[in-house]
All heavy atoms as atom14 arrays in JSON, in Angstrom:
{
  "sequence": "VMTMMLIRTLGQASAGHVNPSEIMLVMGFTVLGHLPTILTLSLF",
  "atom14_mask": [
    [1, 1, 1, 1, 1, 1, 1, 0, 0, 0, 0, 0, 0, 0],
    [1, 1, 1, 1, 1, 1, 1, 1, 0, 0, 0, 0, 0, 0],
    [1, 1, 1, 1, 1, 1, 1, 0, 0, 0, 0, 0, 0, 0],
    [1, 1, 1, 1, 1, 1, 1, 1, 0, 0, 0, 0, 0, 0],
    [1, 1, 1, 1, 1, 1, 1, 1, 0, 0, 0, 0, 0, 0],
    [1, 1, 1, 1, 1, 1, 1, 1, 0, 0, 0, 0, 0, 0],
    [1, 1, 1, 1, 1, 1, 1, 1, 0, 0, 0, 0, 0, 0],
    [1, 1, 1, 1, 1, 1, 1, 1, 1, 1, 1, 0, 0, 0],
    [1, 1, 1, 1, 1, 1, 1, 0, 0, 0, 0, 0, 0, 0],
    [1, 1, 1, 1, 1, 1, 1, 1, 0, 0, 0, 0, 0, 0],
    [1, 1, 1, 1, 0, 0, 0, 0, 0, 0, 0, 0, 0, 0],
    [1, 1, 1, 1, 1, 1, 1, 1, 1, 0, 0, 0, 0, 0],
    [1, 1, 1, 1, 1, 0, 0, 0, 0, 0, 0, 0, 0, 0],
    [1, 1, 1, 1, 1, 1, 0, 0, 0, 0, 0, 0, 0, 0],
    [1, 1, 1, 1, 1, 0, 0, 0, 0, 0, 0, 0, 0, 0],
    [1, 1, 1, 1, 0, 0, 0, 0, 0, 0, 0, 0, 0, 0],
    [1, 1, 1, 1, 1, 1, 1, 1, 1, 1, 0, 0, 0, 0],
    [1, 1, 1, 1, 1, 1, 1, 0, 0, 0, 0, 0, 0, 0],
    [1, 1, 1, 1, 1, 1, 1, 1, 0, 0, 0, 0, 0, 0],
    [1, 1, 1, 1, 1, 1, 1, 0, 0, 0, 0, 0, 0, 0],
    [1, 1, 1, 1, 1, 1, 0, 0, 0, 0, 0, 0, 0, 0],
    [1, 1, 1, 1, 1, 1, 1, 1, 1, 0, 0, 0, 0, 0],
    [1, 1, 1, 1, 1, 1, 1, 1, 0, 0, 0, 0, 0, 0],
    [1, 1, 1, 1, 1, 1, 1, 1, 0, 0, 0, 0, 0, 0],
    [1, 1, 1, 1, 1, 1, 1, 1, 0, 0, 0, 0, 0, 0],
    [1, 1, 1, 1, 1, 1, 1, 0, 0, 0, 0, 0, 0, 0],
    [1, 1, 1, 1, 1, 1, 1, 1, 0, 0, 0, 0, 0, 0],
    [1, 1, 1, 1, 0, 0, 0, 0, 0, 0, 0, 0, 0, 0],
    [1, 1, 1, 1, 1, 1, 1, 1, 1, 1, 1, 0, 0, 0],
    [1, 1, 1, 1, 1, 1, 1, 0, 0, 0, 0, 0, 0, 0],
    [1, 1, 1, 1, 1, 1, 1, 0, 0, 0, 0, 0, 0, 0],
    [1, 1, 1, 1, 1, 1, 1, 1, 0, 0, 0, 0, 0, 0],
    [1, 1, 1, 1, 0, 0, 0, 0, 0, 0, 0, 0, 0, 0],
    [1, 1, 1, 1, 1, 1, 1, 1, 1, 1, 0, 0, 0, 0],
    [1, 1, 1, 1, 1, 1, 1, 1, 0, 0, 0, 0, 0, 0],
    [1, 1, 1, 1, 1, 1, 1, 0, 0, 0, 0, 0, 0, 0],
    [1, 1, 1, 1, 1, 1, 1, 0, 0, 0, 0, 0, 0, 0],
    [1, 1, 1, 1, 1, 1, 1, 1, 0, 0, 0, 0, 0, 0],
    [1, 1, 1, 1, 1, 1, 1, 1, 0, 0, 0, 0, 0, 0],
    [1, 1, 1, 1, 1, 1, 1, 0, 0, 0, 0, 0, 0, 0],
    [1, 1, 1, 1, 1, 1, 1, 1, 0, 0, 0, 0, 0, 0],
    [1, 1, 1, 1, 1, 1, 0, 0, 0, 0, 0, 0, 0, 0],
    [1, 1, 1, 1, 1, 1, 1, 1, 0, 0, 0, 0, 0, 0],
    [1, 1, 1, 1, 1, 1, 1, 1, 1, 1, 1, 0, 0, 0]
  ],
  "atom14_positions": [
    [[54.41, 284.41, 138.4], [55.42, 283.89, 139.32], [55.03, 284.16, 140.77], [55.21, 283.3, 141.65], [56.8, 284.49, 138.98], [57.83, 284.09, 140.03], [57.25, 284.04, 137.61], [0.0, 0.0, 0.0], [0.0, 0.0, 0.0], [0.0, 0.0, 0.0], [0.0, 0.0, 0.0], [0.0, 0.0, 0.0], [0.0, 0.0, 0.0], [0.0, 0.0, 0.0]],
    [[54.48, 285.34, 141.06], [54.06, 285.64, 142.42], [52.95, 284.71, 142.88], [52.92, 284.28, 144.04], [53.63, 287.1, 142.52], [54.76, 288.1, 142.43], [54.22, 289.8, 142.7], [53.68, 289.71, 144.4], [0.0, 0.0, 0.0], [0.0, 0.0, 0.0], [0.0, 0.0, 0.0], [0.0, 0.0, 0.0], [0.0, 0.0, 0.0], [0.0, 0.0, 0.0]],
    [[52.02, 284.4, 141.97], [50.95, 283.47, 142.33], [51.5, 282.08, 142.64], [51.11, 281.44, 143.64], [49.92, 283.39, 141.2], [49.43, 284.7, 140.9], [48.76, 282.5, 141.58], [0.0, 0.0, 0.0], [0.0, 0.0, 0.0], [0.0, 0.0, 0.0], [0.0, 0.0, 0.0], [0.0, 0.0, 0.0], [0.0, 0.0, 0.0], [0.0, 0.0, 0.0]],
    [[52.43, 281.62, 141.8], [53.03, 280.31, 142.05], [53.84, 280.31, 143.35], [53.76, 279.34, 144.13], [53.92, 279.94, 140.87], [53.18, 279.76, 139.55], [54.29, 279.5, 138.16], [55.15, 278.02, 138.68], [0.0, 0.0, 0.0], [0.0, 0.0, 0.0], [0.0, 0.0, 0.0], [0.0, 0.0, 0.0], [0.0, 0.0, 0.0], [0.0, 0.0, 0.0]],
    [[54.61, 281.37, 143.59], [55.4, 281.42, 144.82], [54.51, 281.54, 146.06], [54.85, 281.0, 147.12], [56.36, 282.61, 144.76], [57.48, 282.48, 143.74], [58.6, 281.09, 144.07], [58.05, 279.94, 142.79], [0.0, 0.0, 0.0], [0.0, 0.0, 0.0], [0.0, 0.0, 0.0], [0.0, 0.0, 0.0], [0.0, 0.0, 0.0], [0.0, 0.0, 0.0]],
    [[53.37, 282.23, 145.93], [52.45, 282.34, 147.07], [51.88, 280.98, 147.43], [51.81, 280.61, 148.61], [51.34, 283.33, 146.73], [50.27, 283.53, 147.82], [50.89, 284.04, 149.1], [49.18, 284.47, 147.32], [0.0, 0.0, 0.0], [0.0, 0.0, 0.0], [0.0, 0.0, 0.0], [0.0, 0.0, 0.0], [0.0, 0.0, 0.0], [0.0, 0.0, 0.0]],
    [[51.48, 280.21, 146.42], [50.95, 278.87, 146.69], [52.02, 277.99, 147.31], [51.77, 277.25, 148.28], [50.42, 278.26, 145.39], [49.24, 279.08, 144.85], [50.0, 276.8, 145.6], [48.74, 278.63, 143.5], [0.0, 0.0, 0.0], [0.0, 0.0, 0.0], [0.0, 0.0, 0.0], [0.0, 0.0, 0.0], [0.0, 0.0, 0.0], [0.0, 0.0, 0.0]],
    [[53.24, 278.09, 146.79], [54.33, 277.27, 147.33], [54.67, 277.68, 148.76], [54.89, 276.82, 149.63], [55.55, 277.43, 146.44], [56.77, 276.66, 146.9], [57.93, 276.92, 145.96], [59.15, 276.26, 146.42], [60.32, 276.37, 145.82], [60.44, 277.1, 144.73], [61.38, 275.75, 146.3], [0.0, 0.0, 0.0], [0.0, 0.0, 0.0], [0.0, 0.0, 0.0]],
    [[54.7, 278.98, 149.04], [55.03, 279.45, 150.39], [53.94, 279.09, 151.38], [54.22, 278.76, 152.54], [55.27, 280.96, 150.37], [56.2, 281.29, 149.35], [55.81, 281.44, 151.71], [0.0, 0.0, 0.0], [0.0, 0.0, 0.0], [0.0, 0.0, 0.0], [0.0, 0.0, 0.0], [0.0, 0.0, 0.0], [0.0, 0.0, 0.0], [0.0, 0.0, 0.0]],
    [[52.68, 279.16, 150.95], [51.59, 278.75, 151.83], [51.69, 277.27, 152.18], [51.42, 276.87, 153.32], [50.24, 279.05, 151.16], [49.83, 280.52, 151.07], [48.55, 280.66, 150.27], [49.66, 281.13, 152.46], [0.0, 0.0, 0.0], [0.0, 0.0, 0.0], [0.0, 0.0, 0.0], [0.0, 0.0, 0.0], [0.0, 0.0, 0.0], [0.0, 0.0, 0.0]],
    [[52.09, 276.46, 151.21], [52.3, 275.05, 151.51], [53.42, 274.82, 152.5], [53.32, 273.98, 153.39], [0.0, 0.0, 0.0], [0.0, 0.0, 0.0], [0.0, 0.0, 0.0], [0.0, 0.0, 0.0], [0.0, 0.0, 0.0], [0.0, 0.0, 0.0], [0.0, 0.0, 0.0], [0.0, 0.0, 0.0], [0.0, 0.0, 0.0], [0.0, 0.0, 0.0]],
    [[54.52, 275.59, 152.37], [55.61, 275.47, 153.32], [55.21, 275.95, 154.71], [55.64, 275.39, 155.72], [56.82, 276.26, 152.82], [57.44, 275.7, 151.54], [58.55, 276.56, 151.02], [58.78, 277.69, 151.49], [59.27, 276.07, 150.02], [0.0, 0.0, 0.0], [0.0, 0.0, 0.0], [0.0, 0.0, 0.0], [0.0, 0.0, 0.0], [0.0, 0.0, 0.0]],
    [[54.37, 276.99, 154.75], [53.91, 277.48, 156.05], [52.99, 276.47, 156.74], [53.06, 276.28, 157.95], [53.19, 278.82, 155.87], [0.0, 0.0, 0.0], [0.0, 0.0, 0.0], [0.0, 0.0, 0.0], [0.0, 0.0, 0.0], [0.0, 0.0, 0.0], [0.0, 0.0, 0.0], [0.0, 0.0, 0.0], [0.0, 0.0, 0.0], [0.0, 0.0, 0.0]],
    [[52.13, 275.82, 155.95], [51.25, 274.81, 156.54], [52.03, 273.59, 157.02], [51.61, 272.92, 157.96], [50.21, 274.37, 155.52], [50.82, 273.75, 154.4], [0.0, 0.0, 0.0], [0.0, 0.0, 0.0], [0.0, 0.0, 0.0], [0.0, 0.0, 0.0], [0.0, 0.0, 0.0], [0.0, 0.0, 0.0], [0.0, 0.0, 0.0], [0.0, 0.0, 0.0]],
    [[53.19, 273.33, 156.4], [54.04, 272.21, 156.83], [54.95, 272.57, 157.99], [55.68, 271.71, 158.49], [54.87, 271.69, 155.65], [0.0, 0.0, 0.0], [0.0, 0.0, 0.0], [0.0, 0.0, 0.0], [0.0, 0.0, 0.0], [0.0, 0.0, 0.0], [0.0, 0.0, 0.0], [0.0, 0.0, 0.0], [0.0, 0.0, 0.0], [0.0, 0.0, 0.0]],
    [[54.96, 273.84, 158.39], [55.77, 274.26, 159.53], [57.18, 274.67, 159.18], [58.02, 274.79, 160.07], [0.0, 0.0, 0.0], [0.0, 0.0, 0.0], [0.0, 0.0, 0.0], [0.0, 0.0, 0.0], [0.0, 0.0, 0.0], [0.0, 0.0, 0.0], [0.0, 0.0, 0.0], [0.0, 0.0, 0.0], [0.0, 0.0, 0.0], [0.0, 0.0, 0.0]],
    [[57.47, 274.93, 157.9], [58.82, 275.34, 157.51], [58.97, 276.85, 157.42], [60.1, 277.35, 157.36], [59.18, 274.71, 156.16], [59.14, 273.22, 156.16], [59.93, 272.45, 156.99], [58.39, 272.34, 155.45], [59.67, 271.17, 156.78], [58.74, 271.08, 155.85], [0.0, 0.0, 0.0], [0.0, 0.0, 0.0], [0.0, 0.0, 0.0], [0.0, 0.0, 0.0]],
    [[57.88, 277.58, 157.37], [57.91, 279.03, 157.23], [56.96, 279.62, 158.24], [55.86, 279.09, 158.46], [57.53, 279.47, 155.79], [57.45, 280.99, 155.68], [58.53, 278.92, 154.78], [0.0, 0.0, 0.0], [0.0, 0.0, 0.0], [0.0, 0.0, 0.0], [0.0, 0.0, 0.0], [0.0, 0.0, 0.0], [0.0, 0.0, 0.0], [0.0, 0.0, 0.0]],
    [[57.37, 280.72, 158.84], [56.51, 281.42, 159.79], [55.31, 282.01, 159.04], [55.49, 282.72, 158.05], [57.3, 282.54, 160.46], [56.55, 283.12, 161.64], [55.36, 282.88, 161.83], [57.24, 283.9, 162.45], [0.0, 0.0, 0.0], [0.0, 0.0, 0.0], [0.0, 0.0, 0.0], [0.0, 0.0, 0.0], [0.0, 0.0, 0.0], [0.0, 0.0, 0.0]],
    [[54.08, 281.72, 159.45], [52.92, 282.26, 158.73], [52.9, 283.78, 158.67], [52.37, 284.35, 157.71], [51.73, 281.71, 159.55], [52.25, 280.48, 160.2], [53.7, 280.77, 160.5], [0.0, 0.0, 0.0], [0.0, 0.0, 0.0], [0.0, 0.0, 0.0], [0.0, 0.0, 0.0], [0.0, 0.0, 0.0], [0.0, 0.0, 0.0], [0.0, 0.0, 0.0]],
    [[53.47, 284.45, 159.65], [53.5, 285.91, 159.61], [54.56, 286.46, 158.67], [54.59, 287.67, 158.43], [53.76, 286.46, 161.02], [55.03, 286.03, 161.51], [0.0, 0.0, 0.0], [0.0, 0.0, 0.0], [0.0, 0.0, 0.0], [0.0, 0.0, 0.0], [0.0, 0.0, 0.0], [0.0, 0.0, 0.0], [0.0, 0.0, 0.0], [0.0, 0.0, 0.0]],
    [[55.43, 285.61, 158.13], [56.49, 286.04, 157.22], [56.3, 285.5, 155.8], [57.25, 285.44, 155.02], [57.85, 285.6, 157.75], [58.2, 286.2, 159.1], [59.5, 285.65, 159.67], [59.98, 284.61, 159.16], [60.03, 286.24, 160.63], [0.0, 0.0, 0.0], [0.0, 0.0, 0.0], [0.0, 0.0, 0.0], [0.0, 0.0, 0.0], [0.0, 0.0, 0.0]],
    [[55.07, 285.14, 155.46], [54.81, 284.56, 154.14], [55.11, 285.57, 153.04], [55.78, 285.25, 152.04], [53.35, 284.07, 154.06], [53.16, 282.83, 154.94], [52.97, 283.75, 152.62], [51.76, 282.29, 154.94], [0.0, 0.0, 0.0], [0.0, 0.0, 0.0], [0.0, 0.0, 0.0], [0.0, 0.0, 0.0], [0.0, 0.0, 0.0], [0.0, 0.0, 0.0]],
    [[54.63, 286.8, 153.19], [54.85, 287.8, 152.14], [56.33, 288.16, 152.03], [56.83, 288.41, 150.92], [54.03, 289.05, 152.46], [52.52, 288.82, 152.49], [51.88, 288.11, 150.95], [52.24, 289.43, 149.82], [0.0, 0.0, 0.0], [0.0, 0.0, 0.0], [0.0, 0.0, 0.0], [0.0, 0.0, 0.0], [0.0, 0.0, 0.0], [0.0, 0.0, 0.0]],
    [[57.04, 288.15, 153.15], [58.46, 288.47, 153.1], [59.24, 287.37, 152.38], [60.1, 287.66, 151.53], [58.99, 288.65, 154.53], [60.41, 289.21, 154.68], [60.52, 290.57, 154.04], [60.8, 289.28, 156.14], [0.0, 0.0, 0.0], [0.0, 0.0, 0.0], [0.0, 0.0, 0.0], [0.0, 0.0, 0.0], [0.0, 0.0, 0.0], [0.0, 0.0, 0.0]],
    [[58.95, 286.12, 152.7], [59.62, 285.01, 152.01], [59.28, 285.01, 150.53], [60.15, 284.8, 149.67], [59.24, 283.67, 152.68], [59.79, 282.5, 151.88], [59.74, 283.62, 154.11], [0.0, 0.0, 0.0], [0.0, 0.0, 0.0], [0.0, 0.0, 0.0], [0.0, 0.0, 0.0], [0.0, 0.0, 0.0], [0.0, 0.0, 0.0], [0.0, 0.0, 0.0]],
    [[58.02, 285.26, 150.2], [57.62, 285.29, 148.8], [58.31, 286.42, 148.05], [58.74, 286.26, 146.9], [56.11, 285.44, 148.69], [55.57, 285.36, 147.27], [53.82, 285.8, 147.16], [53.91, 287.55, 147.57], [0.0, 0.0, 0.0], [0.0, 0.0, 0.0], [0.0, 0.0, 0.0], [0.0, 0.0, 0.0], [0.0, 0.0, 0.0], [0.0, 0.0, 0.0]],
    [[58.44, 287.59, 148.69], [59.12, 288.71, 148.05], [60.58, 288.42, 147.77], [61.08, 288.71, 146.67], [0.0, 0.0, 0.0], [0.0, 0.0, 0.0], [0.0, 0.0, 0.0], [0.0, 0.0, 0.0], [0.0, 0.0, 0.0], [0.0, 0.0, 0.0], [0.0, 0.0, 0.0], [0.0, 0.0, 0.0], [0.0, 0.0, 0.0], [0.0, 0.0, 0.0]],
    [[61.28, 287.83, 148.72], [62.68, 287.47, 148.49], [62.82, 286.41, 147.39], [63.74, 286.47, 146.58], [63.31, 286.95, 149.79], [63.66, 288.03, 150.77], [63.29, 287.93, 152.09], [64.38, 289.15, 150.36], [63.61, 288.93, 153.0], [64.71, 290.14, 151.26], [64.32, 290.04, 152.57], [0.0, 0.0, 0.0], [0.0, 0.0, 0.0], [0.0, 0.0, 0.0]],
    [[61.89, 285.47, 147.36], [61.96, 284.42, 146.33], [61.74, 284.98, 144.94], [62.45, 284.64, 143.99], [60.92, 283.33, 146.64], [61.11, 282.85, 147.98], [61.06, 282.17, 145.68], [0.0, 0.0, 0.0], [0.0, 0.0, 0.0], [0.0, 0.0, 0.0], [0.0, 0.0, 0.0], [0.0, 0.0, 0.0], [0.0, 0.0, 0.0], [0.0, 0.0, 0.0]],
    [[60.74, 285.85, 144.8], [60.48, 286.46, 143.49], [61.65, 287.34, 143.08], [62.03, 287.38, 141.9], [59.16, 287.26, 143.54], [58.95, 288.03, 142.24], [57.98, 286.33, 143.78], [0.0, 0.0, 0.0], [0.0, 0.0, 0.0], [0.0, 0.0, 0.0], [0.0, 0.0, 0.0], [0.0, 0.0, 0.0], [0.0, 0.0, 0.0], [0.0, 0.0, 0.0]],
    [[62.23, 288.06, 144.02], [63.39, 288.89, 143.7], [64.56, 288.05, 143.23], [65.31, 288.46, 142.32], [63.79, 289.71, 144.93], [64.93, 290.73, 144.75], [64.55, 291.78, 143.71], [65.26, 291.4, 146.08], [0.0, 0.0, 0.0], [0.0, 0.0, 0.0], [0.0, 0.0, 0.0], [0.0, 0.0, 0.0], [0.0, 0.0, 0.0], [0.0, 0.0, 0.0]],
    [[64.74, 286.88, 143.79], [65.81, 286.0, 143.34], [65.58, 285.46, 141.93], [66.55, 285.22, 141.19], [0.0, 0.0, 0.0], [0.0, 0.0, 0.0], [0.0, 0.0, 0.0], [0.0, 0.0, 0.0], [0.0, 0.0, 0.0], [0.0, 0.0, 0.0], [0.0, 0.0, 0.0], [0.0, 0.0, 0.0], [0.0, 0.0, 0.0], [0.0, 0.0, 0.0]],
    [[64.32, 285.28, 141.54], [64.0, 284.79, 140.2], [63.82, 285.92, 139.19], [63.48, 285.64, 138.02], [62.73, 283.94, 140.22], [62.89, 282.62, 140.91], [62.82, 282.48, 142.27], [63.15, 281.38, 140.42], [63.01, 281.21, 142.6], [63.21, 280.52, 141.49], [0.0, 0.0, 0.0], [0.0, 0.0, 0.0], [0.0, 0.0, 0.0], [0.0, 0.0, 0.0]],
    [[64.04, 287.15, 139.6], [63.83, 288.28, 138.7], [64.75, 288.28, 137.48], [64.33, 288.7, 136.4], [63.98, 289.59, 139.48], [63.32, 290.83, 138.86], [61.85, 290.57, 138.6], [63.49, 292.03, 139.77], [0.0, 0.0, 0.0], [0.0, 0.0, 0.0], [0.0, 0.0, 0.0], [0.0, 0.0, 0.0], [0.0, 0.0, 0.0], [0.0, 0.0, 0.0]],
    [[66.02, 287.84, 137.56], [66.84, 287.78, 136.34], [66.22, 286.9, 135.25], [66.21, 287.27, 134.07], [68.18, 287.22, 136.83], [68.25, 287.59, 138.26], [66.84, 287.53, 138.76], [0.0, 0.0, 0.0], [0.0, 0.0, 0.0], [0.0, 0.0, 0.0], [0.0, 0.0, 0.0], [0.0, 0.0, 0.0], [0.0, 0.0, 0.0], [0.0, 0.0, 0.0]],
    [[65.69, 285.75, 135.63], [65.05, 284.88, 134.65], [63.79, 285.52, 134.09], [63.51, 285.43, 132.88], [64.71, 283.54, 135.3], [65.89, 282.98, 135.9], [64.16, 282.56, 134.29], [0.0, 0.0, 0.0], [0.0, 0.0, 0.0], [0.0, 0.0, 0.0], [0.0, 0.0, 0.0], [0.0, 0.0, 0.0], [0.0, 0.0, 0.0], [0.0, 0.0, 0.0]],
    [[63.02, 286.2, 134.95], [61.79, 286.85, 134.48], [62.12, 287.98, 133.52], [61.46, 288.14, 132.47], [60.99, 287.37, 135.69], [60.59, 286.2, 136.61], [59.75, 288.12, 135.24], [59.92, 286.64, 137.9], [0.0, 0.0, 0.0], [0.0, 0.0, 0.0], [0.0, 0.0, 0.0], [0.0, 0.0, 0.0], [0.0, 0.0, 0.0], [0.0, 0.0, 0.0]],
    [[63.13, 288.78, 133.83], [63.51, 289.88, 132.94], [64.02, 289.36, 131.6], [63.72, 289.94, 130.55], [64.57, 290.75, 133.62], [64.11, 291.6, 134.8], [65.3, 292.3, 135.44], [63.07, 292.62, 134.35], [0.0, 0.0, 0.0], [0.0, 0.0, 0.0], [0.0, 0.0, 0.0], [0.0, 0.0, 0.0], [0.0, 0.0, 0.0], [0.0, 0.0, 0.0]],
    [[64.8, 288.3, 131.62], [65.32, 287.75, 130.36], [64.18, 287.25, 129.48], [64.15, 287.52, 128.27], [66.3, 286.61, 130.66], [67.36, 287.09, 131.49], [66.89, 286.06, 129.38], [0.0, 0.0, 0.0], [0.0, 0.0, 0.0], [0.0, 0.0, 0.0], [0.0, 0.0, 0.0], [0.0, 0.0, 0.0], [0.0, 0.0, 0.0], [0.0, 0.0, 0.0]],
    [[63.27, 286.5, 130.06], [62.14, 286.0, 129.27], [61.25, 287.14, 128.79], [60.75, 287.1, 127.64], [61.33, 285.01, 130.12], [60.14, 284.35, 129.43], [60.58, 283.61, 128.18], [59.42, 283.41, 130.4], [0.0, 0.0, 0.0], [0.0, 0.0, 0.0], [0.0, 0.0, 0.0], [0.0, 0.0, 0.0], [0.0, 0.0, 0.0], [0.0, 0.0, 0.0]],
    [[61.04, 288.17, 129.61], [60.23, 289.31, 129.19], [60.87, 290.04, 128.02], [60.19, 290.44, 127.07], [60.04, 290.27, 130.37], [59.38, 289.63, 131.44], [0.0, 0.0, 0.0], [0.0, 0.0, 0.0], [0.0, 0.0, 0.0], [0.0, 0.0, 0.0], [0.0, 0.0, 0.0], [0.0, 0.0, 0.0], [0.0, 0.0, 0.0], [0.0, 0.0, 0.0]],
    [[62.19, 290.22, 128.08], [62.89, 290.88, 126.98], [62.81, 290.05, 125.7], [62.58, 290.59, 124.61], [64.34, 291.12, 127.38], [65.22, 291.9, 126.4], [64.69, 293.3, 126.2], [66.66, 291.94, 126.91], [0.0, 0.0, 0.0], [0.0, 0.0, 0.0], [0.0, 0.0, 0.0], [0.0, 0.0, 0.0], [0.0, 0.0, 0.0], [0.0, 0.0, 0.0]],
    [[62.99, 288.75, 125.82], [62.93, 287.87, 124.66], [61.54, 287.9, 124.03], [61.39, 288.03, 122.81], [63.3, 286.46, 125.1], [63.7, 285.54, 123.99], [63.89, 286.01, 122.7], [63.88, 284.19, 124.22], [64.25, 285.16, 121.66], [64.26, 283.33, 123.2], [64.44, 283.83, 121.91], [0.0, 0.0, 0.0], [0.0, 0.0, 0.0], [0.0, 0.0, 0.0]]
  ]
}
């Protein structure tokens, strides 16, 4: 998920929607928001 979110965030940064210096911060918040789904699938 982090790899997918990193690629997606880099694309948004290249398009001018995300500050390039805040890529890791945006990616961290995004992964944290998807953590319930990740935990459920991991448990299953």
